[in-house]
Protein backbone atom coordinates (compact mmCIF):
# COMPACT_ATOMS: atom_id res chain seq x y z
CA MET A 1 104.34 111.66 83.25
CA LYS A 2 103.56 108.58 84.25
CA SER A 3 105.22 106.67 81.52
CA ASN A 4 108.39 108.38 81.77
CA GLY A 5 108.52 107.89 85.72
CA PHE A 6 107.72 103.46 84.80
CA LEU A 7 110.70 103.97 81.64
CA ALA A 8 112.87 105.40 84.83
CA GLU A 9 111.90 102.66 86.86
CA PHE A 10 112.37 100.00 84.83
CA LYS A 11 115.82 101.54 83.50
CA LYS A 12 117.06 102.23 87.47
CA ASN A 13 115.96 98.46 88.09
CA LYS A 14 116.18 96.31 85.44
CA PRO A 15 117.20 93.51 86.43
CA LEU A 16 114.59 93.22 89.07
CA PHE A 17 112.04 93.54 86.25
CA VAL A 18 113.79 90.60 84.17
CA MET A 19 113.60 88.30 87.29
CA ILE A 20 109.86 89.32 88.14
CA LEU A 21 108.99 88.55 84.06
CA PRO A 22 108.50 84.53 83.94
CA ALA A 23 105.99 84.78 87.32
CA VAL A 24 104.03 87.46 85.27
CA VAL A 25 104.16 85.51 81.69
CA LEU A 26 102.85 82.37 83.83
CA THR A 27 100.11 84.47 86.00
CA VAL A 28 98.92 86.01 82.63
CA VAL A 29 98.81 82.53 81.23
CA MET A 30 97.85 80.45 83.38
CA ALA A 31 94.85 82.57 85.37
CA TYR A 32 93.94 85.55 82.71
CA LEU A 33 94.13 84.13 79.27
CA PRO A 34 91.71 81.00 80.65
CA MET A 35 89.27 83.60 81.77
CA SER A 36 88.04 83.66 78.14
CA GLY A 37 86.44 80.71 78.78
CA LEU A 38 84.03 81.78 81.24
CA ILE A 39 81.96 82.90 78.02
CA LEU A 40 80.68 79.47 77.98
CA ALA A 41 78.65 79.87 81.06
CA PHE A 42 76.44 82.52 77.84
CA LYS A 43 76.74 79.44 75.21
CA ASN A 44 74.60 76.33 74.16
CA TYR A 45 78.28 74.72 73.70
CA ARG A 46 78.50 72.19 70.80
CA PHE A 47 81.60 70.85 70.00
CA ASP A 48 81.59 70.70 66.65
CA LEU A 49 81.15 74.75 66.92
CA GLY A 50 83.80 75.24 69.72
CA VAL A 51 84.13 77.67 72.16
CA PHE A 52 83.40 81.17 70.34
CA GLY A 53 81.46 79.56 67.52
CA SER A 54 78.59 78.19 69.48
CA ASP A 55 75.59 79.96 69.66
CA TRP A 56 74.46 82.46 72.79
CA ASN A 57 71.82 81.23 75.21
CA GLY A 58 71.80 84.43 77.96
CA ILE A 59 71.50 83.08 81.15
CA GLU A 60 69.48 80.05 80.07
CA ASN A 61 72.21 77.84 81.74
CA PHE A 62 72.21 79.83 85.27
CA ARG A 63 68.02 80.13 84.68
CA TYR A 64 68.41 75.94 84.49
CA LEU A 65 70.76 75.59 87.53
CA PHE A 66 68.19 77.38 89.57
CA GLU A 67 65.10 76.41 88.51
CA SER A 68 65.83 72.64 88.74
CA GLY A 69 66.42 73.40 92.67
CA THR A 70 70.30 71.98 92.27
CA GLY A 71 71.63 75.63 92.38
CA TRP A 72 70.17 76.45 96.02
CA LEU A 73 71.20 72.93 97.15
CA ILE A 74 74.61 73.04 96.29
CA THR A 75 75.03 76.80 97.21
CA LYS A 76 73.50 76.03 100.70
CA ASN A 77 75.46 72.38 101.32
CA THR A 78 78.83 74.48 100.27
CA ILE A 79 77.83 77.44 102.79
CA VAL A 80 76.61 75.30 105.58
CA TYR A 81 80.13 72.69 104.94
CA ASN A 82 82.23 75.42 104.93
CA LEU A 83 81.22 77.53 107.92
CA VAL A 84 81.39 74.64 110.03
CA ASN A 85 84.37 73.29 108.40
CA LEU A 86 85.77 77.25 109.53
CA ILE A 87 84.63 77.17 112.76
CA THR A 88 85.78 73.59 113.96
CA SER A 89 89.34 73.57 112.85
CA GLN A 90 90.19 76.91 113.18
CA LEU A 91 89.04 77.04 116.90
CA LEU A 92 90.71 73.20 117.42
CA ALA A 93 93.70 75.18 116.31
CA ILE A 94 93.68 77.83 118.35
CA LEU A 95 93.44 75.51 121.44
CA ILE A 96 96.28 73.37 120.00
CA ALA A 97 98.34 76.24 119.37
CA ILE A 98 97.48 77.42 122.95
CA PHE A 99 98.38 74.28 124.89
CA ILE A 100 101.24 73.33 122.65
CA SER A 101 102.54 76.99 123.93
CA GLU A 102 101.84 76.27 127.79
CA ILE A 103 103.74 72.80 127.53
CA ASN A 104 107.57 73.39 129.15
CA LYS A 105 109.26 70.57 128.24
CA LYS A 106 111.00 70.85 124.89
CA PHE A 107 110.77 67.35 123.36
CA PHE A 108 107.64 66.73 124.38
CA LYS A 109 106.18 70.01 123.14
CA LYS A 110 108.02 68.94 119.48
CA ILE A 111 107.19 65.13 119.32
CA SER A 112 103.33 67.22 120.22
CA GLN A 113 103.10 69.19 117.41
CA SER A 114 104.42 66.69 114.39
CA LEU A 115 102.24 64.50 115.51
CA ILE A 116 99.25 66.74 115.41
CA PHE A 117 100.68 68.00 111.89
CA LEU A 118 101.50 64.58 110.49
CA PRO A 119 97.75 64.49 109.08
CA TYR A 120 98.30 67.40 106.54
CA PHE A 121 100.67 65.18 104.59
CA ILE A 122 97.69 62.56 104.76
CA SER A 123 96.25 62.27 101.37
CA TRP A 124 92.13 62.53 100.73
CA VAL A 125 92.51 59.13 98.71
CA ILE A 126 93.73 57.69 102.10
CA VAL A 127 91.70 59.62 104.48
CA GLY A 128 88.70 58.06 102.31
CA THR A 129 89.94 54.91 102.85
CA PHE A 130 90.22 55.21 106.40
CA VAL A 131 86.52 56.26 106.16
CA PHE A 132 85.84 53.12 104.31
CA ALA A 133 87.39 50.98 106.66
CA ILE A 134 85.31 52.55 109.58
CA PHE A 135 81.98 52.01 108.06
CA ASN A 136 81.88 49.76 105.89
CA TYR A 137 78.74 47.97 106.37
CA GLU A 138 80.31 44.60 106.05
CA THR A 139 83.95 44.69 107.71
CA GLY A 140 83.76 48.16 108.90
CA LEU A 141 85.15 48.64 112.51
CA LEU A 142 82.59 50.46 113.88
CA ASN A 143 79.95 47.44 112.73
CA SER A 144 82.76 44.91 113.66
CA ILE A 145 82.28 46.71 117.44
CA ILE A 146 78.71 46.40 117.21
CA LYS A 147 78.58 42.80 116.33
CA ALA A 148 81.09 42.15 118.80
CA LEU A 149 78.56 43.86 121.04
CA GLY A 150 75.62 42.13 120.22
CA GLY A 151 73.91 44.90 118.33
CA ASP A 152 72.79 44.55 114.79
CA PRO A 153 74.99 46.22 111.67
CA VAL A 154 74.44 50.47 110.73
CA ASN A 155 74.47 50.95 106.92
CA VAL A 156 76.19 54.65 107.82
CA TYR A 157 75.95 55.20 103.86
CA GLU A 158 72.24 54.61 103.76
CA MET A 159 72.08 57.71 106.65
CA PRO A 160 72.76 61.28 104.98
CA GLY A 161 72.11 63.08 107.85
CA ILE A 162 75.29 62.00 109.86
CA TRP A 163 77.44 62.52 106.95
CA PRO A 164 78.04 66.50 107.52
CA VAL A 165 79.39 65.51 111.09
CA ILE A 166 81.61 62.91 109.74
CA ILE A 167 83.04 65.21 106.86
CA ALA A 168 83.39 68.02 109.56
CA CYS A 169 85.70 65.61 112.02
CA PHE A 170 87.98 64.23 109.39
CA ASN A 171 88.36 67.56 108.48
CA SER A 172 89.12 68.77 111.33
CA TRP A 173 91.16 66.60 111.98
CA LYS A 174 93.34 66.77 108.84
CA TRP A 175 93.74 70.58 108.62
CA CYS A 176 93.70 71.57 112.44
CA GLY A 177 97.59 70.88 112.50
CA TYR A 178 98.83 73.33 110.12
CA ASN A 179 95.99 76.11 110.80
CA SER A 180 97.71 75.80 114.25
CA VAL A 181 101.24 76.15 113.13
CA ILE A 182 100.52 79.98 112.15
CA TYR A 183 98.74 80.86 115.87
CA ILE A 184 101.76 78.82 117.48
CA ALA A 185 104.02 81.59 115.92
CA ALA A 186 101.83 84.33 116.33
CA ILE A 187 101.86 83.14 120.12
CA VAL A 188 105.61 83.05 120.29
CA GLY A 189 105.67 86.36 118.92
CA VAL A 190 104.09 87.86 122.14
CA ASP A 191 106.36 89.29 124.63
CA ALA A 192 107.46 86.71 127.11
CA GLU A 193 107.76 89.39 129.99
CA ILE A 194 103.68 89.79 129.91
CA TYR A 195 103.44 86.49 130.83
CA GLU A 196 106.28 86.61 133.70
CA ALA A 197 104.30 89.75 134.97
CA ALA A 198 101.12 88.54 135.07
CA SER A 199 102.40 85.09 137.04
CA VAL A 200 103.83 87.78 139.51
CA ASP A 201 100.78 89.62 139.85
CA GLY A 202 98.97 85.92 140.56
CA ALA A 203 97.40 85.37 137.25
CA ASN A 204 96.57 81.44 136.74
CA ILE A 205 97.10 80.30 133.29
CA PHE A 206 93.42 80.79 132.30
CA GLN A 207 93.70 84.51 133.52
CA ARG A 208 96.86 84.96 131.23
CA ILE A 209 95.22 83.23 128.17
CA ARG A 210 92.10 85.08 128.61
CA ASN A 211 93.65 88.73 129.29
CA ILE A 212 97.16 88.07 127.06
CA THR A 213 97.18 85.45 124.63
CA LEU A 214 93.93 85.57 123.07
CA PRO A 215 94.07 89.17 122.52
CA SER A 216 97.51 89.48 121.26
CA ILE A 217 97.03 86.66 118.35
CA ARG A 218 93.79 88.20 117.64
CA ALA A 219 94.60 90.20 114.48
CA THR A 220 96.18 86.74 113.08
CA ILE A 221 92.52 85.36 113.86
CA ILE A 222 90.80 87.64 112.21
CA THR A 223 92.86 87.50 108.84
CA MET A 224 92.78 84.17 108.72
CA LEU A 225 88.78 84.00 109.09
CA LEU A 226 89.08 86.62 106.32
CA LEU A 227 90.95 84.63 104.31
CA ASN A 228 89.03 81.63 104.78
CA VAL A 229 85.92 83.24 104.29
CA GLY A 230 86.60 84.26 100.53
CA ARG A 231 86.88 80.24 100.03
CA ILE A 232 83.29 79.95 101.72
CA LEU A 233 81.43 78.84 98.41
CA ARG A 234 84.42 76.67 97.05
CA GLY A 235 84.53 73.05 98.78
CA ASP A 236 87.46 71.11 99.67
CA PHE A 237 86.77 68.76 96.27
CA GLU A 238 88.91 65.98 96.62
CA MET A 239 87.76 65.73 100.85
CA PHE A 240 83.83 65.40 99.37
CA TYR A 241 84.35 63.32 96.72
CA GLN A 242 87.65 60.93 98.54
CA ILE A 243 85.02 60.65 100.95
CA VAL A 244 81.36 60.34 99.20
CA GLY A 245 82.34 59.31 96.25
CA GLN A 246 79.64 58.20 93.79
CA ASN A 247 77.13 57.41 96.07
CA GLY A 248 73.98 58.60 94.80
CA GLN A 249 72.38 58.29 98.13
CA LEU A 250 74.56 60.94 99.66
CA PHE A 251 74.26 63.91 97.35
CA ASN A 252 71.40 65.31 98.35
CA ALA A 253 73.05 66.04 101.50
CA THR A 254 77.15 66.24 100.54
CA ASP A 255 76.42 67.74 97.26
CA VAL A 256 78.79 70.97 96.72
CA ILE A 257 79.50 73.19 93.77
CA ASP A 258 82.67 71.77 93.22
CA THR A 259 81.04 68.17 93.01
CA TYR A 260 78.27 69.19 90.85
CA VAL A 261 80.82 70.39 88.27
CA PHE A 262 82.75 67.82 88.28
CA ARG A 263 79.78 65.16 87.56
CA SER A 264 77.87 67.31 85.03
CA LEU A 265 81.21 66.99 83.27
CA LEU A 266 81.85 63.70 84.16
CA GLN A 267 78.42 62.77 83.41
CA ASN A 268 76.42 64.97 80.74
CA SER A 269 79.67 66.79 79.40
CA ASN A 270 77.27 69.72 79.83
CA LEU A 271 80.03 72.56 79.71
CA GLY A 272 77.72 75.71 79.58
CA MET A 273 75.84 74.43 83.14
CA SER A 274 79.39 73.70 84.64
CA ALA A 275 80.67 77.03 83.50
CA ALA A 276 77.45 78.91 85.01
CA ALA A 277 78.13 77.05 88.50
CA SER A 278 81.84 77.99 88.43
CA LEU A 279 81.00 81.56 87.48
CA TYR A 280 78.35 81.97 90.02
CA GLN A 281 80.72 80.51 92.53
CA SER A 282 83.69 82.75 91.66
CA VAL A 283 81.43 85.86 91.56
CA LEU A 284 79.60 84.98 95.30
CA CYS A 285 83.08 84.21 96.63
CA PHE A 286 84.34 87.48 95.70
CA VAL A 287 81.34 90.02 96.86
CA ILE A 288 81.51 87.90 100.52
CA ILE A 289 84.99 88.50 100.51
CA ILE A 290 84.25 92.56 100.17
CA VAL A 291 81.12 92.58 102.24
CA VAL A 292 83.25 90.59 105.17
CA ASN A 293 86.25 92.76 104.76
CA ARG A 294 83.96 95.87 104.82
CA ILE A 295 82.46 94.47 108.18
CA VAL A 296 85.92 94.12 109.69
CA LYS A 297 86.82 97.14 108.28
CA LYS A 298 84.15 99.44 110.41
CA VAL A 299 84.75 97.19 113.24
CA ASP A 300 88.43 97.51 113.46
CA GLU A 301 90.29 99.29 110.40
CA SER A 302 93.39 98.14 111.44
CA ASN A 303 92.73 94.30 111.05
CA ALA A 304 90.97 94.81 107.63
CA LEU A 305 92.63 93.13 105.04
CA PHE A 306 92.43 96.30 102.55
C-alpha cells in the first residue's frame, strides 16, 4: 500500500522528483558512498592491499590512540576550545545584535553592522598573518611596543598557556558579526508595539532588553546553541592550523582532533589511526547532540530540534 502510495505521488509530482534527483544523487555520491571508508578505522591499512584487502585489527587503532594519551588530550582540547568559543562568540553576537537594534540612526546602524560583519569574509590565512605580525618575537607589534617602553620582549610562541585566550579572541572577532545577523533578524521580528507599550509604562532600555528582547529571542538562542553543540567535537581546522601552524611547542595546548588527523596523514600516513580518530569524533558529536536535545526537550519541548 505504501508502494502504491509512493508511485501515485511520483506520477502526480514527477517534475518535482526530477528536480530533486540531482541533489539526491550528489548527496549519495559525496556523503554516503565515502562512508564505506570508515572500515579503515578497524584495519591495519597497507597501500599495496588497499582499503578492502588490508587485514582487520579490531579496535587496535582506538586502543593505541587512547593508551598513548593522545586521544584524551585532543578530546579535552577540542571540547574546551569549542565550549569557550561557543560561549564567547554567541554571547558577543547577542550583545552586538541588541546594541545594533537599539540604534536609532539608520546610517550609523548600517555602517556598524557592515564593519562588524566584515571579519567573517577575511580568510584564516590572513588572520594567521595578523597573529604572526602581532606576536612575532623579533618584529611583532607587541614586542615593538614593549621595547619602545623599555621592557624586554616576550616570546609568545613559547607560552602555551596564553594561546587558548588568543584563539578565543580571534574566533569571537571573526564570527560574532556573522552570528549577530541571526539574532538581529529575531529581534526585528518582535512586535514594535510591545516596546512602545513598555516605554509608555516607564521601562528604561535595560528593562526592555531584559523583559522583552531576551525572552523573545530565547528560541533562537537555544536553536543556535543546539546547532553549535552538535559541532562541539569538530574544531575549526583552518583556525588552529593557520594560527598555530607547525609549532610543536604549542601542540599540547592547541592540538584538536582535526589537526591531529591532518598531521597524522601528513607525517605518518597512518590512515588507520586517522580514520579511528575521525570515527570517534563523529560518534561523539552524534551522541552529544542527542543528549543535549533530549535535555532541552524535557525543559521546553517546543524549543527542541526534534
